[in-house]
Amino acid sequence: MKIDENAAYFLNTYHEYWVWRMKMSKRPTLLNKMAKGVQHKINGIIPEKVHIVITKAVKEIIRGVLFGAEYTTFQRIQLGTLEEVEQLARKKISIYASSSAAEGAITGFGGFFSSLADFPLWLSLKMKMLFEIANAYGIDVKDYKERLFILHIFQLTFSSQKHRKAIFQIMSDWEQQKELLPNDIHEFDWRTFQLEYRDYIDLAKLIQLIPGIGAISGAYVNHTYTKKLGKNAMNAYRMRIAAYHS
């Protein structure tokens, strides 16, 4: 995919891309810091054994998606133009946002116990979407470091502003920074990953625990955040394309 053949389209998306860059790299506001402080206190109350169990569960779910056979058999797509690539990416986002909404509505309808199933199901849907978006951009998803990049996109979406800024700095210099990342997935910072993720979605998911109302909340939250994740993925790969041709 050659950037010179896509100059007109890239210019049309340039404003959106740079607004995204500024949003990802801005400093946390006072409200961001206060919200994070509240979540930190809540996490301090939760027994350490619970944190260990949740960290392990998240790690195993993500590892299952990252290294599952069904996600390593993608045929790399070679589309002609950046516009075609992004049309496909948007199509994937629409499909997974709708699927996530349906899943959230079903699991939210039954209240607390059925909502427990939402955690692994929605997580798997989001990760699979990221694989398909990467594939649309011609990324070799069999490459271990590219899978780490996918995890960084995920963190970019579901993290506090402070952590998001740190993740963005790594991603904006990916070719250099990826060499500093662990070669063993077990060395990845899963504790921070799951804490940031839970802190980000806990409040939004609280209403989903209420029978009946939870179906509406589950559908809305899943749809909204899945689309947000997809848009972040598109801009992250735009950043890689821009860096490659700069």
C-alpha atoms as a PDB file:
ATOM      1  CA  MET A   1       0.000   0.000   0.000  1.00  0.00           C
ATOM      2  CA  LYS A   2       1.776   3.152  -1.229  1.00  0.00           C
ATOM      3  CA  ILE A   3       1.018   6.443   0.475  1.00  0.00           C
ATOM      4  CA  ASP A   4       1.631   8.490  -2.703  1.00  0.00           C
ATOM      5  CA  GLU A   5      -1.250   6.687  -4.399  1.00  0.00           C
ATOM      6  CA  ASN A   6      -3.506   7.556  -1.499  1.00  0.00           C
ATOM      7  CA  ALA A   7      -2.470  11.165  -0.887  1.00  0.00           C
ATOM      8  CA  ALA A   8      -5.922  12.662  -1.546  1.00  0.00           C
ATOM      9  CA  TYR A   9      -7.693  10.207   0.737  1.00  0.00           C
ATOM     10  CA  PHE A  10      -5.047  10.566   3.452  1.00  0.00           C
ATOM     11  CA  LEU A  11      -5.459  14.347   3.397  1.00  0.00           C
ATOM     12  CA  ASN A  12      -9.208  13.921   3.904  1.00  0.00           C
ATOM     13  CA  THR A  13      -8.564  11.900   7.057  1.00  0.00           C
ATOM     14  CA  TYR A  14      -5.640  14.059   8.220  1.00  0.00           C
ATOM     15  CA  HIS A  15      -7.679  16.324  10.513  1.00  0.00           C
ATOM     16  CA  GLU A  16      -9.390  13.365  12.184  1.00  0.00           C
ATOM     17  CA  TYR A  17      -6.025  11.668  12.661  1.00  0.00           C
ATOM     18  CA  TRP A  18      -4.340  14.685  14.258  1.00  0.00           C
ATOM     19  CA  VAL A  19      -7.288  15.402  16.561  1.00  0.00           C
ATOM     20  CA  TRP A  20      -6.939  11.792  17.699  1.00  0.00           C
ATOM     21  CA  ARG A  21      -3.192  12.204  18.268  1.00  0.00           C
ATOM     22  CA  MET A  22      -3.728  15.268  20.445  1.00  0.00           C
ATOM     23  CA  LYS A  23      -6.440  13.501  22.422  1.00  0.00           C
ATOM     24  CA  MET A  24      -4.228  10.479  23.084  1.00  0.00           C
ATOM     25  CA  SER A  25      -1.224  12.542  24.180  1.00  0.00           C
ATOM     26  CA  LYS A  26      -2.921  15.146  26.388  1.00  0.00           C
ATOM     27  CA  ARG A  27      -2.265  15.314  30.104  1.00  0.00           C
ATOM     28  CA  PRO A  28      -4.834  13.921  32.547  1.00  0.00           C
ATOM     29  CA  THR A  29      -7.312  16.486  33.859  1.00  0.00           C
ATOM     30  CA  LEU A  30      -8.142  17.015  37.531  1.00  0.00           C
ATOM     31  CA  LEU A  31     -11.345  15.018  37.002  1.00  0.00           C
ATOM     32  CA  ASN A  32      -9.331  12.163  35.452  1.00  0.00           C
ATOM     33  CA  LYS A  33      -7.025  12.138  38.461  1.00  0.00           C
ATOM     34  CA  MET A  34      -9.928  12.189  40.934  1.00  0.00           C
ATOM     35  CA  ALA A  35     -11.702   9.306  39.171  1.00  0.00           C
ATOM     36  CA  LYS A  36      -8.498   7.276  39.110  1.00  0.00           C
ATOM     37  CA  GLY A  37      -7.955   8.007  42.793  1.00  0.00           C
ATOM     38  CA  VAL A  38     -11.420   6.679  43.667  1.00  0.00           C
ATOM     39  CA  GLN A  39     -10.806   3.513  41.644  1.00  0.00           C
ATOM     40  CA  HIS A  40      -7.428   3.075  43.320  1.00  0.00           C
ATOM     41  CA  LYS A  41      -9.073   3.180  46.756  1.00  0.00           C
ATOM     42  CA  ILE A  42     -11.691   0.645  45.660  1.00  0.00           C
ATOM     43  CA  ASN A  43      -8.969  -1.661  44.343  1.00  0.00           C
ATOM     44  CA  GLY A  44      -7.184  -1.307  47.687  1.00  0.00           C
ATOM     45  CA  ILE A  45     -10.231  -2.680  49.473  1.00  0.00           C
ATOM     46  CA  ILE A  46     -10.468  -5.738  47.217  1.00  0.00           C
ATOM     47  CA  PRO A  47      -8.478  -8.685  48.651  1.00  0.00           C
ATOM     48  CA  GLU A  48      -5.204  -9.504  46.933  1.00  0.00           C
ATOM     49  CA  LYS A  49      -6.423 -13.039  46.198  1.00  0.00           C
ATOM     50  CA  VAL A  50      -9.246 -11.583  44.091  1.00  0.00           C
ATOM     51  CA  HIS A  51      -6.791  -9.439  42.098  1.00  0.00           C
ATOM     52  CA  ILE A  52      -4.628 -12.500  41.461  1.00  0.00           C
ATOM     53  CA  VAL A  53      -7.601 -14.534  40.225  1.00  0.00           C
ATOM     54  CA  ILE A  54      -8.871 -11.755  37.943  1.00  0.00           C
ATOM     55  CA  THR A  55      -5.381 -11.054  36.554  1.00  0.00           C
ATOM     56  CA  LYS A  56      -4.932 -14.733  35.737  1.00  0.00           C
ATOM     57  CA  ALA A  57      -8.386 -14.933  34.140  1.00  0.00           C
ATOM     58  CA  VAL A  58      -7.770 -11.887  31.923  1.00  0.00           C
ATOM     59  CA  LYS A  59      -4.314 -13.173  30.996  1.00  0.00           C
ATOM     60  CA  GLU A  60      -5.640 -16.576  29.955  1.00  0.00           C
ATOM     61  CA  ILE A  61      -8.557 -15.124  27.967  1.00  0.00           C
ATOM     62  CA  ILE A  62      -6.277 -12.733  26.077  1.00  0.00           C
ATOM     63  CA  ARG A  63      -3.590 -15.373  25.524  1.00  0.00           C
ATOM     64  CA  GLY A  64      -6.256 -17.727  24.198  1.00  0.00           C
ATOM     65  CA  VAL A  65      -7.296 -15.109  21.660  1.00  0.00           C
ATOM     66  CA  LEU A  66      -3.755 -14.015  20.800  1.00  0.00           C
ATOM     67  CA  PHE A  67      -2.477 -17.510  20.184  1.00  0.00           C
ATOM     68  CA  GLY A  68      -5.627 -19.449  19.315  1.00  0.00           C
ATOM     69  CA  ALA A  69      -5.416 -21.369  16.049  1.00  0.00           C
ATOM     70  CA  GLU A  70      -8.425 -19.599  14.565  1.00  0.00           C
ATOM     71  CA  TYR A  71      -6.609 -16.255  14.769  1.00  0.00           C
ATOM     72  CA  THR A  72      -3.356 -17.426  13.206  1.00  0.00           C
ATOM     73  CA  THR A  73      -4.853 -18.625   9.933  1.00  0.00           C
ATOM     74  CA  PHE A  74      -5.790 -15.250   8.434  1.00  0.00           C
ATOM     75  CA  GLN A  75      -4.799 -14.801   4.814  1.00  0.00           C
ATOM     76  CA  ARG A  76      -3.115 -11.437   4.541  1.00  0.00           C
ATOM     77  CA  ILE A  77      -5.248  -9.009   2.580  1.00  0.00           C
ATOM     78  CA  GLN A  78      -3.584  -6.817  -0.033  1.00  0.00           C
ATOM     79  CA  LEU A  79      -6.043  -4.113  -1.039  1.00  0.00           C
ATOM     80  CA  GLY A  80      -5.250  -1.530  -3.685  1.00  0.00           C
ATOM     81  CA  THR A  81      -5.822   1.746  -1.867  1.00  0.00           C
ATOM     82  CA  LEU A  82      -5.940   3.106   1.663  1.00  0.00           C
ATOM     83  CA  GLU A  83      -9.586   4.016   1.075  1.00  0.00           C
ATOM     84  CA  GLU A  84     -10.408   0.377   0.291  1.00  0.00           C
ATOM     85  CA  VAL A  85      -8.518  -0.739   3.384  1.00  0.00           C
ATOM     86  CA  GLU A  86     -10.453   1.634   5.614  1.00  0.00           C
ATOM     87  CA  GLN A  87     -13.789   0.769   4.035  1.00  0.00           C
ATOM     88  CA  LEU A  88     -13.113  -2.835   5.023  1.00  0.00           C
ATOM     89  CA  ALA A  89     -11.967  -1.782   8.505  1.00  0.00           C
ATOM     90  CA  ARG A  90     -15.165   0.229   9.039  1.00  0.00           C
ATOM     91  CA  LYS A  91     -17.223  -2.723   7.884  1.00  0.00           C
ATOM     92  CA  LYS A  92     -15.497  -4.947  10.453  1.00  0.00           C
ATOM     93  CA  ILE A  93     -16.092  -2.363  13.192  1.00  0.00           C
ATOM     94  CA  SER A  94     -19.789  -2.150  12.308  1.00  0.00           C
ATOM     95  CA  ILE A  95     -20.156  -5.939  12.392  1.00  0.00           C
ATOM     96  CA  TYR A  96     -18.395  -6.365  15.726  1.00  0.00           C
ATOM     97  CA  ALA A  97     -20.110  -3.363  17.321  1.00  0.00           C
ATOM     98  CA  SER A  98     -23.486  -4.866  16.411  1.00  0.00           C
ATOM     99  CA  SER A  99     -22.427  -8.323  17.634  1.00  0.00           C
ATOM    100  CA  SER A 100     -21.139  -6.843  20.891  1.00  0.00           C
ATOM    101  CA  ALA A 101     -24.390  -4.927  21.380  1.00  0.00           C
ATOM    102  CA  ALA A 102     -26.431  -8.101  20.909  1.00  0.00           C
ATOM    103  CA  GLU A 103     -24.167  -9.987  23.317  1.00  0.00           C
ATOM    104  CA  GLY A 104     -24.430  -7.194  25.900  1.00  0.00           C
ATOM    105  CA  ALA A 105     -28.217  -7.122  25.624  1.00  0.00           C
ATOM    106  CA  ILE A 106     -28.540 -10.883  26.064  1.00  0.00           C
ATOM    107  CA  THR A 107     -26.172 -11.128  29.027  1.00  0.00           C
ATOM    108  CA  GLY A 108     -27.554  -7.941  30.596  1.00  0.00           C
ATOM    109  CA  PHE A 109     -31.162  -9.112  30.424  1.00  0.00           C
ATOM    110  CA  GLY A 110     -30.736 -11.706  33.179  1.00  0.00           C
ATOM    111  CA  GLY A 111     -29.012  -9.431  35.667  1.00  0.00           C
ATOM    112  CA  PHE A 112     -25.973 -10.219  37.791  1.00  0.00           C
ATOM    113  CA  PHE A 113     -25.276 -13.879  37.044  1.00  0.00           C
ATOM    114  CA  SER A 114     -25.800 -13.730  33.277  1.00  0.00           C
ATOM    115  CA  SER A 115     -23.769 -10.506  33.154  1.00  0.00           C
ATOM    116  CA  LEU A 116     -20.768 -12.454  34.413  1.00  0.00           C
ATOM    117  CA  ALA A 117     -20.658 -14.131  31.003  1.00  0.00           C
ATOM    118  CA  ASP A 118     -20.331 -10.723  29.339  1.00  0.00           C
ATOM    119  CA  PHE A 119     -16.743 -10.277  30.537  1.00  0.00           C
ATOM    120  CA  PRO A 120     -15.065 -13.100  28.564  1.00  0.00           C
ATOM    121  CA  LEU A 121     -17.484 -12.963  25.602  1.00  0.00           C
ATOM    122  CA  TRP A 122     -17.139  -9.234  24.960  1.00  0.00           C
ATOM    123  CA  LEU A 123     -13.398  -9.342  25.567  1.00  0.00           C
ATOM    124  CA  SER A 124     -13.032 -12.069  22.935  1.00  0.00           C
ATOM    125  CA  LEU A 125     -15.161 -10.149  20.421  1.00  0.00           C
ATOM    126  CA  LYS A 126     -13.093  -6.994  20.868  1.00  0.00           C
ATOM    127  CA  MET A 127      -9.816  -8.835  20.433  1.00  0.00           C
ATOM    128  CA  LYS A 128     -11.024 -10.686  17.363  1.00  0.00           C
ATOM    129  CA  MET A 129     -12.120  -7.366  15.829  1.00  0.00           C
ATOM    130  CA  LEU A 130      -8.628  -5.957  16.385  1.00  0.00           C
ATOM    131  CA  PHE A 131      -7.127  -8.937  14.575  1.00  0.00           C
ATOM    132  CA  GLU A 132      -9.424  -8.414  11.599  1.00  0.00           C
ATOM    133  CA  ILE A 133      -8.697  -4.686  11.428  1.00  0.00           C
ATOM    134  CA  ALA A 134      -4.953  -5.404  11.533  1.00  0.00           C
ATOM    135  CA  ASN A 135      -5.420  -7.922   8.756  1.00  0.00           C
ATOM    136  CA  ALA A 136      -7.306  -5.345   6.682  1.00  0.00           C
ATOM    137  CA  TYR A 137      -4.271  -3.050   6.897  1.00  0.00           C
ATOM    138  CA  GLY A 138      -2.062  -5.865   5.634  1.00  0.00           C
ATOM    139  CA  ILE A 139      -0.450  -6.552   9.011  1.00  0.00           C
ATOM    140  CA  ASP A 140       1.024 -10.010   9.579  1.00  0.00           C
ATOM    141  CA  VAL A 141      -0.900 -11.030  12.713  1.00  0.00           C
ATOM    142  CA  LYS A 142       1.340 -14.086  13.102  1.00  0.00           C
ATOM    143  CA  ASP A 143       4.126 -11.698  14.105  1.00  0.00           C
ATOM    144  CA  TYR A 144       4.389 -11.733  17.919  1.00  0.00           C
ATOM    145  CA  LYS A 145       5.279  -8.022  18.118  1.00  0.00           C
ATOM    146  CA  GLU A 146       2.230  -7.164  16.021  1.00  0.00           C
ATOM    147  CA  ARG A 147       0.113  -8.993  18.588  1.00  0.00           C
ATOM    148  CA  LEU A 148       1.717  -6.857  21.268  1.00  0.00           C
ATOM    149  CA  PHE A 149       0.767  -3.801  19.193  1.00  0.00           C
ATOM    150  CA  ILE A 150      -2.833  -5.047  19.277  1.00  0.00           C
ATOM    151  CA  LEU A 151      -2.623  -5.240  23.082  1.00  0.00           C
ATOM    152  CA  HIS A 152      -1.365  -1.649  23.098  1.00  0.00           C
ATOM    153  CA  ILE A 153      -4.342  -0.515  21.007  1.00  0.00           C
ATOM    154  CA  PHE A 154      -6.581  -2.193  23.558  1.00  0.00           C
ATOM    155  CA  GLN A 155      -4.848  -0.396  26.432  1.00  0.00           C
ATOM    156  CA  LEU A 156      -5.024   2.884  24.553  1.00  0.00           C
ATOM    157  CA  THR A 157      -8.815   2.582  24.625  1.00  0.00           C
ATOM    158  CA  PHE A 158      -9.443   1.107  28.062  1.00  0.00           C
ATOM    159  CA  SER A 159      -7.079   3.021  30.334  1.00  0.00           C
ATOM    160  CA  SER A 160      -6.861   6.166  32.421  1.00  0.00           C
ATOM    161  CA  GLN A 161      -5.563   9.244  30.613  1.00  0.00           C
ATOM    162  CA  LYS A 162      -2.206   8.991  32.400  1.00  0.00           C
ATOM    163  CA  HIS A 163      -1.651   5.389  31.312  1.00  0.00           C
ATOM    164  CA  ARG A 164      -3.063   6.127  27.850  1.00  0.00           C
ATOM    165  CA  LYS A 165      -0.481   8.852  27.327  1.00  0.00           C
ATOM    166  CA  ALA A 166       2.346   6.478  28.296  1.00  0.00           C
ATOM    167  CA  ILE A 167       1.037   3.786  25.941  1.00  0.00           C
ATOM    168  CA  PHE A 168       0.665   6.312  23.120  1.00  0.00           C
ATOM    169  CA  GLN A 169       4.302   7.386  23.504  1.00  0.00           C
ATOM    170  CA  ILE A 170       5.379   3.778  23.008  1.00  0.00           C
ATOM    171  CA  MET A 171       3.126   3.325  19.980  1.00  0.00           C
ATOM    172  CA  SER A 172       4.187   6.587  18.338  1.00  0.00           C
ATOM    173  CA  ASP A 173       7.775   5.287  18.226  1.00  0.00           C
ATOM    174  CA  TRP A 174       6.842   1.656  17.668  1.00  0.00           C
ATOM    175  CA  GLU A 175       9.740   0.496  15.509  1.00  0.00           C
ATOM    176  CA  GLN A 176      12.189   1.463  18.242  1.00  0.00           C
ATOM    177  CA  GLN A 177      10.062   0.698  21.281  1.00  0.00           C
ATOM    178  CA  LYS A 178       8.951  -2.768  20.204  1.00  0.00           C
ATOM    179  CA  GLU A 179      12.543  -3.991  20.552  1.00  0.00           C
ATOM    180  CA  LEU A 180      12.400  -3.133  24.262  1.00  0.00           C
ATOM    181  CA  LEU A 181       9.229  -5.147  24.901  1.00  0.00           C
ATOM    182  CA  PRO A 182       9.395  -8.646  26.433  1.00  0.00           C
ATOM    183  CA  ASN A 183       9.688 -11.600  24.073  1.00  0.00           C
ATOM    184  CA  ASP A 184       7.759 -13.782  26.507  1.00  0.00           C
ATOM    185  CA  ILE A 185       4.026 -13.054  26.813  1.00  0.00           C
ATOM    186  CA  HIS A 186       4.210 -14.150  30.473  1.00  0.00           C
ATOM    187  CA  GLU A 187       6.406 -11.114  31.167  1.00  0.00           C
ATOM    188  CA  PHE A 188       3.734  -8.729  29.909  1.00  0.00           C
ATOM    189  CA  ASP A 189       2.312  -6.490  32.675  1.00  0.00           C
ATOM    190  CA  TRP A 190      -1.034  -8.267  33.009  1.00  0.00           C
ATOM    191  CA  ARG A 191      -1.763  -6.784  36.432  1.00  0.00           C
ATOM    192  CA  THR A 192      -1.752  -3.214  35.115  1.00  0.00           C
ATOM    193  CA  PHE A 193      -3.608  -4.339  31.990  1.00  0.00           C
ATOM    194  CA  GLN A 194      -6.539  -5.807  33.925  1.00  0.00           C
ATOM    195  CA  LEU A 195      -6.673  -3.019  36.529  1.00  0.00           C
ATOM    196  CA  GLU A 196      -6.781  -0.279  33.889  1.00  0.00           C
ATOM    197  CA  TYR A 197      -9.400  -2.210  31.917  1.00  0.00           C
ATOM    198  CA  ARG A 198     -11.628  -2.855  34.911  1.00  0.00           C
ATOM    199  CA  ASP A 199     -11.285   0.688  36.239  1.00  0.00           C
ATOM    200  CA  TYR A 200     -12.329   2.038  32.866  1.00  0.00           C
ATOM    201  CA  ILE A 201     -15.445  -0.080  32.351  1.00  0.00           C
ATOM    202  CA  ASP A 202     -16.618  -0.819  35.915  1.00  0.00           C
ATOM    203  CA  LEU A 203     -18.907   2.186  36.309  1.00  0.00           C
ATOM    204  CA  ALA A 204     -20.291   1.880  32.789  1.00  0.00           C
ATOM    205  CA  LYS A 205     -21.052  -1.807  33.394  1.00  0.00           C
ATOM    206  CA  LEU A 206     -22.667  -1.349  36.819  1.00  0.00           C
ATOM    207  CA  ILE A 207     -26.174  -0.744  35.459  1.00  0.00           C
ATOM    208  CA  GLN A 208     -25.904  -3.922  33.396  1.00  0.00           C
ATOM    209  CA  LEU A 209     -26.228  -5.907  36.623  1.00  0.00           C
ATOM    210  CA  ILE A 210     -29.865  -4.783  37.026  1.00  0.00           C
ATOM    211  CA  PRO A 211     -32.307  -7.271  35.409  1.00  0.00           C
ATOM    212  CA  GLY A 212     -34.178  -5.833  32.417  1.00  0.00           C
ATOM    213  CA  ILE A 213     -32.534  -2.414  32.434  1.00  0.00           C
ATOM    214  CA  GLY A 214     -29.198  -4.182  32.150  1.00  0.00           C
ATOM    215  CA  ALA A 215     -30.066  -5.324  28.635  1.00  0.00           C
ATOM    216  CA  ILE A 216     -30.355  -1.741  27.380  1.00  0.00           C
ATOM    217  CA  SER A 217     -27.221  -0.660  29.210  1.00  0.00           C
ATOM    218  CA  GLY A 218     -25.243  -3.703  28.071  1.00  0.00           C
ATOM    219  CA  ALA A 219     -26.153  -3.169  24.432  1.00  0.00           C
ATOM    220  CA  TYR A 220     -25.327   0.559  24.513  1.00  0.00           C
ATOM    221  CA  VAL A 221     -22.028   0.257  26.390  1.00  0.00           C
ATOM    222  CA  ASN A 222     -20.765  -2.660  24.313  1.00  0.00           C
ATOM    223  CA  HIS A 223     -21.690  -0.985  21.022  1.00  0.00           C
ATOM    224  CA  THR A 224     -20.188   2.395  21.988  1.00  0.00           C
ATOM    225  CA  TYR A 225     -16.903   1.077  23.356  1.00  0.00           C
ATOM    226  CA  THR A 226     -16.414  -1.454  20.571  1.00  0.00           C
ATOM    227  CA  LYS A 227     -16.736   1.337  17.993  1.00  0.00           C
ATOM    228  CA  LYS A 228     -14.327   3.481  20.011  1.00  0.00           C
ATOM    229  CA  LEU A 229     -11.802   0.634  20.082  1.00  0.00           C
ATOM    230  CA  GLY A 230     -12.161   0.148  16.329  1.00  0.00           C
ATOM    231  CA  LYS A 231     -11.592   3.850  15.589  1.00  0.00           C
ATOM    232  CA  ASN A 232      -8.514   3.876  17.801  1.00  0.00           C
ATOM    233  CA  ALA A 233      -7.201   0.867  15.882  1.00  0.00           C
ATOM    234  CA  MET A 234      -7.679   2.645  12.552  1.00  0.00           C
ATOM    235  CA  ASN A 235      -5.835   5.737  13.759  1.00  0.00           C
ATOM    236  CA  ALA A 236      -3.064   3.613  15.282  1.00  0.00           C
ATOM    237  CA  TYR A 237      -2.414   1.987  11.900  1.00  0.00           C
ATOM    238  CA  ARG A 238      -2.647   5.363  10.170  1.00  0.00           C
ATOM    239  CA  MET A 239       0.127   6.474  12.520  1.00  0.00           C
ATOM    240  CA  ARG A 240       2.225   3.458  11.482  1.00  0.00           C
ATOM    241  CA  ILE A 241       1.650   4.251   7.800  1.00  0.00           C
ATOM    242  CA  ALA A 242       2.558   7.924   8.303  1.00  0.00           C
ATOM    243  CA  ALA A 243       5.733   6.995  10.219  1.00  0.00           C
ATOM    244  CA  TYR A 244       6.770   4.496   7.542  1.00  0.00           C
ATOM    245  CA  HIS A 245       6.473   7.078   4.754  1.00  0.00           C
ATOM    246  CA  SER A 246       7.868  10.067   6.648  1.00  0.00           C
END
